[in-house]
């Protein structure tokens, strides 16, 4: 079967009867089987996907198919799908079956998408390399010695390696955009409050957002307009009508773009990534866009602020997994204290325990004001400064990550180095703003890396349109 870049191409061939949903699913199942060593899928819904494909083919023949017919999609293992296991890639939830659909899952199904399987990720979405899963590493299909990024590493590799057409990931501090950069695909983190978090296993509730991971801007726009919008189960959502993003991609107006000199001068930024960013800035100016440097004084405070707040929220959210209410219960426990202590000790992995302990510390009576309180104030300063930049510019451009995909095992013994891999992505989560990673470049080492574009709140239409414009104008100079 030929490679399809967009869902539009698939639907066109379905209409012309060149392919069927069943043959498309069969193709992806073969790809999954051939590439199972990449460990992207934790579970594949073989017969179920084929049965659903048969149903969608019948709806196509009757002229009654939904707008995502022909889309074969995978779900990150934190997104509930009724009757199917959702484990957050953790021993703590091993074998747990969702009793209802996440809102995003239901909206995909209502639009006639075909869900093909459950995708590996860092445990409870905590990690930037997919080395924290209880079910083993995911391998980068372009170089199997490299990480795919995280926490949505399985989602990224499933799309990268052609094992499904698209995937849903979640982004708490870059967990869609960083793996998208490492694997050479498109990743979108929506504005906080645009996509429902109902039915998504929580890491840090004021940061988490679900978003699409695709091969094209067009598919990201189509999936976003399907899953976004008001939901009675999530009170944080904006109560306005969702734009038809897929119909608004033709905008080619000149824009105002800011970049941070502190980022380009950052000692951790790969020299080739810096060079390509500088070439892009020159080309954008030559194309008639306004591109100006803007100093951002809080760059070094982004990661510390992010980790204080997200670990605090994680400590609270994960307190429910105690061996009593639900989750793993240690078979070695004989007293109430042992049930709590052993169940959490054995059920959680090392990185999750590290973040729970850090979060519990910053929330403790003697340190709450010194750490959590100050981090909340820092978050407001960062948000206000970011919005001030975006009051004068349409977008901020940054690298999606400071390096290309690093070697498996390279940073596991140095948590600080691993956390600093998020330095360019966490700003969007701290401020609740939308951001994308656009697959723009290939490094001399042969690995891809992305351009990150961050916009003002609910500016997804403009972000997607300009992303398409950038990819359409991509040249050898970039």
Protein backbone atom coordinates (compact mmCIF):
# COMPACT_ATOMS: atom_id res chain seq x y z
CA UNK A 1 0.00 0.00 0.00
CA UNK A 2 1.29 3.47 -0.85
CA UNK A 3 2.28 5.93 1.85
CA UNK A 4 -0.49 8.38 2.64
CA UNK A 5 0.60 11.79 3.86
CA UNK A 6 -2.90 13.06 4.65
CA UNK A 7 -6.29 11.64 5.52
CA UNK A 8 -7.69 13.49 2.51
CA UNK A 9 -5.64 11.21 0.24
CA UNK A 10 -6.99 8.14 2.02
CA UNK A 11 -10.57 9.33 1.77
CA UNK A 12 -10.13 10.13 -1.90
CA UNK A 13 -8.91 6.58 -2.59
CA UNK A 14 -11.74 5.17 -0.48
CA UNK A 15 -14.25 7.13 -2.56
CA UNK A 16 -12.64 5.81 -5.76
CA UNK A 17 -12.67 2.26 -4.30
CA UNK A 18 -8.92 1.89 -4.75
CA UNK A 19 -8.70 0.79 -1.11
CA UNK A 20 -11.07 -0.13 1.70
CA UNK A 21 -10.92 0.54 5.43
CA UNK A 22 -10.36 -3.18 5.91
CA UNK A 23 -7.33 -3.23 3.58
CA UNK A 24 -5.93 -0.12 5.29
CA UNK A 25 -6.23 -1.71 8.73
CA UNK A 26 -4.68 -4.93 7.42
CA UNK A 27 -1.73 -2.91 6.14
CA UNK A 28 -1.16 -1.24 9.50
CA UNK A 29 -1.49 -4.55 11.34
CA UNK A 30 1.24 -5.98 9.11
CA UNK A 31 3.45 -2.97 9.84
CA UNK A 32 2.89 -3.36 13.57
CA UNK A 33 3.81 -7.04 13.36
CA UNK A 34 6.97 -6.32 11.36
CA UNK A 35 8.08 -3.53 13.70
CA UNK A 36 6.96 -4.87 17.06
CA UNK A 37 10.58 -4.74 18.30
CA UNK A 38 10.23 -0.95 18.44
CA UNK A 39 7.86 -1.53 21.40
CA UNK A 40 5.55 1.31 20.41
CA UNK A 41 2.35 -0.68 21.02
CA UNK A 42 1.45 -2.23 24.36
CA UNK A 43 -1.71 -3.74 22.92
CA UNK A 44 -3.10 -4.10 19.39
CA UNK A 45 -6.84 -4.39 18.78
CA UNK A 46 -6.48 -6.68 15.76
CA UNK A 47 -9.90 -8.22 15.27
CA UNK A 48 -11.76 -5.31 16.79
CA UNK A 49 -10.11 -2.85 14.38
CA UNK A 50 -10.92 -5.10 11.41
CA UNK A 51 -14.55 -5.46 12.52
CA UNK A 52 -14.89 -1.71 12.89
CA UNK A 53 -13.25 -1.17 9.50
CA UNK A 54 -15.90 -3.42 7.95
CA UNK A 55 -18.61 -1.30 9.60
CA UNK A 56 -17.06 1.94 8.34
CA UNK A 57 -16.80 0.51 4.80
CA UNK A 58 -20.54 -0.15 4.94
CA UNK A 59 -21.19 3.42 6.11
CA UNK A 60 -19.04 4.76 3.25
CA UNK A 61 -21.05 2.71 0.75
CA UNK A 62 -24.25 4.15 2.22
CA UNK A 63 -22.88 7.72 2.11
CA UNK A 64 -23.16 8.02 5.89
CA UNK A 65 -19.52 7.95 7.04
CA UNK A 66 -18.16 10.47 9.55
CA UNK A 67 -15.48 13.01 8.74
CA UNK A 68 -12.64 10.89 10.10
CA UNK A 69 -13.56 7.75 8.15
CA UNK A 70 -10.43 5.96 7.02
CA UNK A 71 -8.35 7.33 9.90
CA UNK A 72 -6.49 4.59 11.77
CA UNK A 73 -5.28 6.05 15.04
CA UNK A 74 -3.50 4.91 18.22
CA UNK A 75 -4.09 6.13 21.76
CA UNK A 76 -1.40 6.93 24.30
CA UNK A 77 -1.77 4.61 27.29
CA UNK A 78 -3.21 7.32 29.52
CA UNK A 79 -6.40 7.84 27.47
CA UNK A 80 -9.41 5.74 28.48
CA UNK A 81 -11.15 3.49 25.96
CA UNK A 82 -14.10 1.69 27.48
CA UNK A 83 -13.54 -2.01 28.04
CA UNK A 84 -9.85 -1.73 27.21
CA UNK A 85 -6.82 -1.63 29.48
CA UNK A 86 -5.44 1.81 30.37
CA UNK A 87 -2.35 1.35 32.52
CA UNK A 88 -0.37 4.61 32.16
CA UNK A 89 2.49 2.19 31.32
CA UNK A 90 2.73 1.42 35.03
CA UNK A 91 2.64 -1.72 37.13
CA UNK A 92 0.32 0.27 39.42
CA UNK A 93 -2.54 0.04 36.88
CA UNK A 94 -1.57 -3.25 35.23
CA UNK A 95 -4.69 -4.93 33.83
CA UNK A 96 -7.06 -2.07 34.75
CA UNK A 97 -9.87 -1.71 32.21
CA UNK A 98 -11.48 1.65 31.56
CA UNK A 99 -15.17 1.75 32.50
CA UNK A 100 -15.95 4.67 30.18
CA UNK A 101 -14.53 6.46 27.17
CA UNK A 102 -12.43 9.57 27.51
CA UNK A 103 -14.16 12.49 25.81
CA UNK A 104 -11.47 12.57 23.11
CA UNK A 105 -11.91 8.83 22.50
CA UNK A 106 -15.67 9.17 22.16
CA UNK A 107 -15.34 12.06 19.72
CA UNK A 108 -12.93 10.06 17.55
CA UNK A 109 -15.35 7.13 17.52
CA UNK A 110 -18.31 9.38 16.75
CA UNK A 111 -16.40 10.68 13.70
CA UNK A 112 -15.76 7.07 12.52
CA UNK A 113 -12.05 6.87 13.30
CA UNK A 114 -10.64 3.36 13.83
CA UNK A 115 -8.63 2.89 17.03
CA UNK A 116 -5.96 0.27 16.40
CA UNK A 117 -4.17 0.02 19.73
CA UNK A 118 -2.70 1.29 22.97
CA UNK A 119 0.65 3.06 22.82
CA UNK A 120 3.62 2.88 25.16
CA UNK A 121 4.70 5.95 27.14
CA UNK A 122 6.73 7.01 30.14
CA UNK A 123 5.01 5.84 33.32
CA UNK A 124 2.18 8.21 34.24
CA UNK A 125 3.50 10.45 31.43
CA UNK A 126 6.56 11.35 33.51
CA UNK A 127 9.68 11.46 31.37
CA UNK A 128 11.34 12.83 28.29
CA UNK A 129 12.79 9.68 26.76
CA UNK A 130 10.26 6.81 27.11
CA UNK A 131 12.78 5.00 29.29
CA UNK A 132 10.46 5.06 32.32
CA UNK A 133 7.76 2.69 31.05
CA UNK A 134 7.16 -0.42 33.12
CA UNK A 135 7.01 -2.25 29.77
CA UNK A 136 10.39 -1.28 28.38
CA UNK A 137 11.90 1.36 26.12
CA UNK A 138 10.38 2.49 22.86
CA UNK A 139 13.02 2.61 20.10
CA UNK A 140 13.41 5.45 17.60
CA UNK A 141 12.72 3.92 14.18
CA UNK A 142 15.36 6.09 12.48
CA UNK A 143 18.13 4.94 14.83
CA UNK A 144 17.24 2.19 17.27
CA UNK A 145 20.07 3.20 19.63
CA UNK A 146 18.30 6.53 20.22
CA UNK A 147 15.32 7.46 22.38
CA UNK A 148 12.09 8.57 20.67
CA UNK A 149 11.51 11.30 23.25
CA UNK A 150 8.78 11.29 25.82
CA UNK A 151 6.49 10.92 27.37
CA UNK A 152 4.45 10.26 24.19
CA UNK A 153 7.26 8.22 22.64
CA UNK A 154 5.08 5.29 21.57
CA UNK A 155 2.64 7.66 19.86
CA UNK A 156 5.48 9.37 18.01
CA UNK A 157 7.13 6.16 16.81
CA UNK A 158 3.83 4.58 15.76
CA UNK A 159 3.28 7.50 13.37
CA UNK A 160 6.96 7.79 12.39
CA UNK A 161 7.23 4.09 11.49
CA UNK A 162 3.89 3.91 9.66
CA UNK A 163 2.17 1.65 12.16
CA UNK A 164 -0.90 3.91 12.22
CA UNK A 165 -1.83 7.06 10.38
CA UNK A 166 -2.01 9.30 13.46
CA UNK A 167 -1.91 9.13 17.24
CA UNK A 168 -3.07 11.03 20.28
CA UNK A 169 -0.50 12.06 22.86
CA UNK A 170 -0.57 14.22 25.95
CA UNK A 171 1.64 17.21 26.66
CA UNK A 172 2.39 18.34 30.22
CA UNK A 173 5.77 19.97 29.58
CA UNK A 174 6.61 19.07 26.00
CA UNK A 175 5.52 15.44 25.84
CA UNK A 176 4.01 15.83 22.37
CA UNK A 177 6.41 18.37 20.86
CA UNK A 178 9.74 16.91 22.00
CA UNK A 179 9.08 13.36 20.69
CA UNK A 180 7.62 14.89 17.51
CA UNK A 181 10.94 16.70 17.04
CA UNK A 182 12.98 13.55 17.76
CA UNK A 183 11.00 11.45 15.28
CA UNK A 184 10.38 13.97 12.47
CA UNK A 185 6.60 14.30 12.71
CA UNK A 186 4.13 17.12 13.46
CA UNK A 187 2.95 17.56 17.05
CA UNK A 188 0.42 20.02 18.48
CA UNK A 189 -0.10 20.98 22.12
CA UNK A 190 -3.41 22.90 22.24
CA UNK A 191 -4.31 25.83 24.47
CA UNK A 192 -5.15 24.70 27.99
CA UNK A 193 -8.94 24.52 28.12
CA UNK A 194 -9.51 23.66 24.46
CA UNK A 195 -9.52 19.85 24.69
CA UNK A 196 -11.23 17.87 27.44
CA UNK A 197 -9.10 15.99 29.96
CA UNK A 198 -12.04 13.80 31.04
CA UNK A 199 -10.94 10.18 31.01
CA UNK A 200 -7.23 11.00 30.75
CA UNK A 201 -5.02 9.70 33.58
CA UNK A 202 -3.77 12.82 35.35
CA UNK A 203 -0.15 13.79 35.86
CA UNK A 204 -0.39 17.56 36.58
CA UNK A 205 -3.95 18.76 36.11
CA UNK A 206 -3.26 22.44 35.42
CA UNK A 207 -0.71 21.52 32.71
CA UNK A 208 -1.96 18.37 30.91
CA UNK A 209 -3.39 18.66 27.40
CA UNK A 210 -4.28 16.06 24.76
CA UNK A 211 -3.16 16.71 21.20
CA UNK A 212 -2.61 15.07 17.80
CA UNK A 213 0.63 13.64 16.44
CA UNK A 214 0.56 13.34 12.65
CA UNK A 215 2.51 13.41 9.40
CA UNK A 216 0.76 16.58 8.22
CA UNK A 217 -0.64 19.89 9.40
CA UNK A 218 -3.90 19.07 7.61
CA UNK A 219 -4.49 15.95 9.70
CA UNK A 220 -3.60 17.72 12.94
CA UNK A 221 -6.16 20.41 12.13
CA UNK A 222 -8.86 17.85 11.31
CA UNK A 223 -8.27 15.80 14.45
CA UNK A 224 -8.12 18.91 16.64
CA UNK A 225 -11.46 20.26 15.41
CA UNK A 226 -12.95 16.83 16.15
CA UNK A 227 -11.69 16.38 19.72
CA UNK A 228 -11.82 20.03 20.90
CA UNK A 229 -14.69 21.97 22.40
CA UNK A 230 -16.96 22.21 25.45
CA UNK A 231 -17.54 19.15 27.59
CA UNK A 232 -19.79 18.95 30.64
CA UNK A 233 -17.25 16.68 32.34
CA UNK A 234 -14.37 19.21 32.29
CA UNK A 235 -15.12 22.61 33.81
CA UNK A 236 -11.79 24.10 32.67
CA UNK A 237 -12.88 24.13 29.02
CA UNK A 238 -13.67 27.29 27.10
CA UNK A 239 -17.38 27.48 26.28
CA UNK A 240 -17.10 28.72 22.70
CA UNK A 241 -17.60 27.07 19.34
CA UNK A 242 -14.56 25.34 17.89
CA UNK A 243 -13.31 26.75 14.56
CA UNK A 244 -13.08 24.43 11.57
CA UNK A 245 -9.30 24.49 11.63
CA UNK A 246 -8.98 22.30 8.54
CA UNK A 247 -10.82 24.92 6.49
CA UNK A 248 -8.58 27.78 7.66
CA UNK A 249 -5.17 26.61 6.48
CA UNK A 250 -4.92 28.84 3.41
CA UNK A 251 -3.89 32.01 5.23
CA UNK A 252 -0.56 33.28 3.86
CA UNK A 253 -0.45 36.74 5.42
CA UNK A 254 2.81 38.25 6.63
CA UNK A 255 3.25 37.90 10.38
CA UNK A 256 5.23 39.34 13.27
CA UNK A 257 7.56 36.86 14.93
CA UNK A 258 9.67 37.13 18.08
CA UNK A 259 12.68 35.04 19.02
CA UNK A 260 14.70 34.98 22.23
CA UNK A 261 18.43 35.77 21.86
CA UNK A 262 18.94 33.93 25.16
CA UNK A 263 17.74 30.74 23.48
CA UNK A 264 20.03 31.02 20.47
CA UNK A 265 22.96 31.77 22.79
CA UNK A 266 22.11 29.01 25.26
CA UNK A 267 25.10 26.82 26.00
CA UNK A 268 23.01 23.65 25.79
CA UNK A 269 21.77 24.33 22.24
CA UNK A 270 23.29 22.16 19.51
CA UNK A 271 25.40 24.24 17.10
CA UNK A 272 23.64 22.94 14.00
CA UNK A 273 20.21 23.65 15.46
CA UNK A 274 21.39 27.19 16.25
CA UNK A 275 22.64 27.62 12.69
CA UNK A 276 19.37 26.44 11.15
CA UNK A 277 17.38 28.74 13.43
CA UNK A 278 19.51 31.70 12.33
CA UNK A 279 19.09 30.77 8.66
CA UNK A 280 15.34 30.50 9.14
CA UNK A 281 15.19 33.95 10.74
CA UNK A 282 17.04 35.41 7.75
CA UNK A 283 14.74 33.65 5.29
CA UNK A 284 11.58 34.76 7.10
CA UNK A 285 12.76 38.36 6.93
CA UNK A 286 13.57 37.97 3.26
CA UNK A 287 10.02 36.66 2.73
CA UNK A 288 8.58 39.85 4.18
CA UNK A 289 7.81 38.79 7.74
CA UNK A 290 8.81 40.93 10.72
CA UNK A 291 11.23 38.94 12.87
CA UNK A 292 12.73 40.64 15.90
CA UNK A 293 14.74 39.63 18.96
CA UNK A 294 12.96 40.00 22.29
CA UNK A 295 14.73 39.41 25.58
CA UNK A 296 13.00 36.94 27.88
CA UNK A 297 14.54 37.29 31.36
CA UNK A 298 12.98 34.17 32.92
CA UNK A 299 14.46 31.45 30.70
CA UNK A 300 16.49 29.91 33.53
CA UNK A 301 13.44 29.87 35.81
CA UNK A 302 11.18 27.90 33.46
CA UNK A 303 12.35 24.38 34.30
CA UNK A 304 12.60 24.87 38.10
CA UNK A 305 9.15 26.47 38.22
CA UNK A 306 7.69 23.73 36.07
CA UNK A 307 9.11 20.88 38.15
CA UNK A 308 8.09 22.35 41.50
CA UNK A 309 4.50 22.80 40.36
CA UNK A 310 4.05 19.61 38.34
CA UNK A 311 5.58 17.37 41.00
CA UNK A 312 3.30 18.99 43.60
CA UNK A 313 0.27 18.24 41.42
CA UNK A 314 1.57 14.73 40.74
CA UNK A 315 1.96 14.08 44.46
CA UNK A 316 -1.68 15.03 44.97
CA UNK A 317 -3.05 13.21 41.91
CA UNK A 318 -1.17 9.98 42.57
CA UNK A 319 -2.09 9.80 46.26
CA UNK A 320 -5.21 7.85 45.23
CA UNK A 321 -3.08 4.88 44.12
CA UNK A 322 -2.68 3.38 47.57
CA UNK A 323 -3.53 -0.30 47.29
CA UNK A 324 -6.86 0.30 49.00
CA UNK A 325 -9.09 2.34 46.70
CA UNK A 326 -7.74 0.85 43.47
CA UNK A 327 -4.48 0.08 41.75
CA UNK A 328 -1.80 -2.49 42.54
CA UNK A 329 -1.90 -4.10 45.98
CA UNK A 330 1.25 -5.80 47.24
CA UNK A 331 0.82 -9.52 47.95
CA UNK A 332 3.44 -9.10 50.70
CA UNK A 333 1.32 -6.68 52.74
CA UNK A 334 -0.27 -7.92 55.97
CA UNK A 335 -1.02 -4.72 57.89
CA UNK A 336 -2.63 -1.42 56.89
CA UNK A 337 0.73 0.35 56.92
CA UNK A 338 2.26 -2.36 54.73
CA UNK A 339 -0.61 -2.13 52.23
CA UNK A 340 0.09 1.56 51.68
CA UNK A 341 3.87 1.38 51.84
CA UNK A 342 4.56 -1.81 49.88
CA UNK A 343 1.86 -1.25 47.27
CA UNK A 344 3.20 2.19 46.35
CA UNK A 345 6.85 1.10 46.62
CA UNK A 346 6.34 -1.91 44.34
CA UNK A 347 3.69 -0.39 42.07
CA UNK A 348 5.44 2.84 41.06
CA UNK A 349 8.67 3.09 39.09
CA UNK A 350 11.76 5.02 40.14
CA UNK A 351 11.02 8.27 38.27
CA UNK A 352 7.40 8.43 39.46
CA UNK A 353 8.52 7.90 43.06
CA UNK A 354 11.14 10.61 42.65
CA UNK A 355 8.53 13.11 41.50
CA UNK A 356 6.01 12.13 44.17
CA UNK A 357 8.63 12.64 46.88
CA UNK A 358 9.72 15.98 45.46
CA UNK A 359 6.10 17.12 45.17
CA UNK A 360 5.28 15.98 48.70
CA UNK A 361 8.32 17.89 49.98
CA UNK A 362 7.39 21.18 48.30
CA UNK A 363 3.83 20.86 49.63
CA UNK A 364 4.90 20.06 53.20
CA UNK A 365 4.09 22.42 56.05
CA UNK A 366 7.55 23.88 56.50
CA UNK A 367 8.31 24.38 52.82
CA UNK A 368 4.99 25.19 51.12
CA UNK A 369 5.52 28.97 51.00
CA UNK A 370 9.23 28.69 50.23
CA UNK A 371 8.77 26.43 47.21
CA UNK A 372 5.20 25.89 45.99
CA UNK A 373 4.03 29.41 46.83
CA UNK A 374 7.04 31.01 45.16
CA UNK A 375 6.69 28.78 42.12
CA UNK A 376 3.08 29.91 41.68
CA UNK A 377 4.22 33.53 41.78
CA UNK A 378 6.99 32.74 39.30
CA UNK A 379 4.41 31.10 37.03
CA UNK A 380 2.37 34.30 37.00
CA UNK A 381 5.47 36.38 36.18
CA UNK A 382 6.35 34.01 33.33
CA UNK A 383 2.79 34.10 32.03
CA UNK A 384 2.57 37.90 32.16
CA UNK A 385 5.95 38.32 30.44
CA UNK A 386 5.00 35.83 27.72
CA UNK A 387 1.65 37.50 27.07
CA UNK A 388 3.44 40.84 26.89
CA UNK A 389 5.63 39.48 24.09
CA UNK A 390 2.60 38.09 22.28
CA UNK A 391 0.75 41.40 22.57
CA UNK A 392 3.24 42.73 20.01
CA UNK A 393 3.90 39.58 17.97
CA UNK A 394 1.86 36.78 16.42
CA UNK A 395 4.27 34.00 17.34
CA UNK A 396 7.44 33.12 19.21
CA UNK A 397 9.83 30.73 17.46
CA UNK A 398 12.14 28.40 19.35
CA UNK A 399 13.79 25.04 18.78
CA UNK A 400 11.53 22.20 19.90
CA UNK A 401 14.46 20.67 21.78
CA UNK A 402 18.09 21.68 22.39
CA UNK A 403 19.43 18.53 20.68
CA UNK A 404 18.39 15.72 18.40
CA UNK A 405 17.40 12.37 19.93
CA UNK A 406 20.01 11.24 22.43
CA UNK A 407 21.30 7.72 23.05
CA UNK A 408 19.28 5.30 25.17
CA UNK A 409 20.74 5.31 28.68
CA UNK A 410 22.67 8.53 28.15
CA UNK A 411 20.75 10.60 30.72
CA UNK A 412 19.03 8.09 32.99
CA UNK A 413 21.58 8.56 35.78
CA UNK A 414 21.34 12.36 35.64
CA UNK A 415 17.77 13.54 36.26
CA UNK A 416 18.74 17.21 36.02
CA UNK A 417 20.17 16.73 32.51
CA UNK A 418 16.98 14.88 31.54
CA UNK A 419 14.78 17.65 32.94
CA UNK A 420 16.75 20.34 31.09
CA UNK A 421 15.78 18.67 27.81
CA UNK A 422 12.40 20.38 28.42
CA UNK A 423 13.86 23.88 28.61
CA UNK A 424 12.27 25.15 25.38
CA UNK A 425 8.88 23.41 25.70
CA UNK A 426 7.70 24.04 29.28
CA UNK A 427 6.94 27.73 28.69
CA UNK A 428 3.82 26.86 26.70
CA UNK A 429 2.54 24.63 29.51
CA UNK A 430 3.33 27.09 32.30
CA UNK A 431 1.35 29.74 30.42
CA UNK A 432 -1.37 27.49 29.00
CA UNK A 433 -0.55 28.64 25.45
CA UNK A 434 -0.68 26.56 22.25
CA UNK A 435 2.51 25.40 20.56
CA UNK A 436 3.52 23.10 17.73
CA UNK A 437 6.62 21.23 16.66
CA UNK A 438 7.09 21.39 12.89
CA UNK A 439 9.37 18.79 11.19
CA UNK A 440 11.68 21.22 9.41
CA UNK A 441 15.23 19.91 9.37
CA UNK A 442 17.64 17.00 9.35
CA UNK A 443 20.87 17.18 11.37
CA UNK A 444 24.24 16.11 9.87
CA UNK A 445 23.95 13.10 12.21
CA UNK A 446 20.95 11.99 10.12
CA UNK A 447 18.31 12.63 12.77
CA UNK A 448 15.43 15.11 12.44
CA UNK A 449 14.72 18.12 14.62
CA UNK A 450 11.78 20.45 14.74
CA UNK A 451 10.92 24.12 14.86
CA UNK A 452 8.65 25.14 17.72
CA UNK A 453 6.03 27.81 17.17
CA UNK A 454 4.12 29.25 20.15
CA UNK A 455 1.09 31.52 19.81
CA UNK A 456 -1.38 33.40 21.94
CA UNK A 457 -4.23 31.56 23.65
CA UNK A 458 -6.71 29.92 21.28
CA UNK A 459 -4.63 30.93 18.24
CA UNK A 460 -4.55 27.38 16.86
CA UNK A 461 -6.00 28.49 13.51
CA UNK A 462 -3.12 30.91 12.95
CA UNK A 463 -0.52 28.44 14.27
CA UNK A 464 -1.68 25.70 11.93
CA UNK A 465 -1.95 28.01 8.91
CA UNK A 466 1.55 29.40 9.44
CA UNK A 467 2.92 25.90 10.04
CA UNK A 468 1.57 24.85 6.66
CA UNK A 469 3.05 27.97 5.09
CA UNK A 470 6.48 27.18 6.59
CA UNK A 471 6.43 23.59 5.40
CA UNK A 472 5.29 24.69 1.95
CA UNK A 473 8.12 27.20 1.70
CA UNK A 474 10.79 24.89 3.10
CA UNK A 475 13.86 24.99 0.88
CA UNK A 476 17.43 23.73 0.80
CA UNK A 477 18.48 26.95 2.50
CA UNK A 478 16.77 25.78 5.67
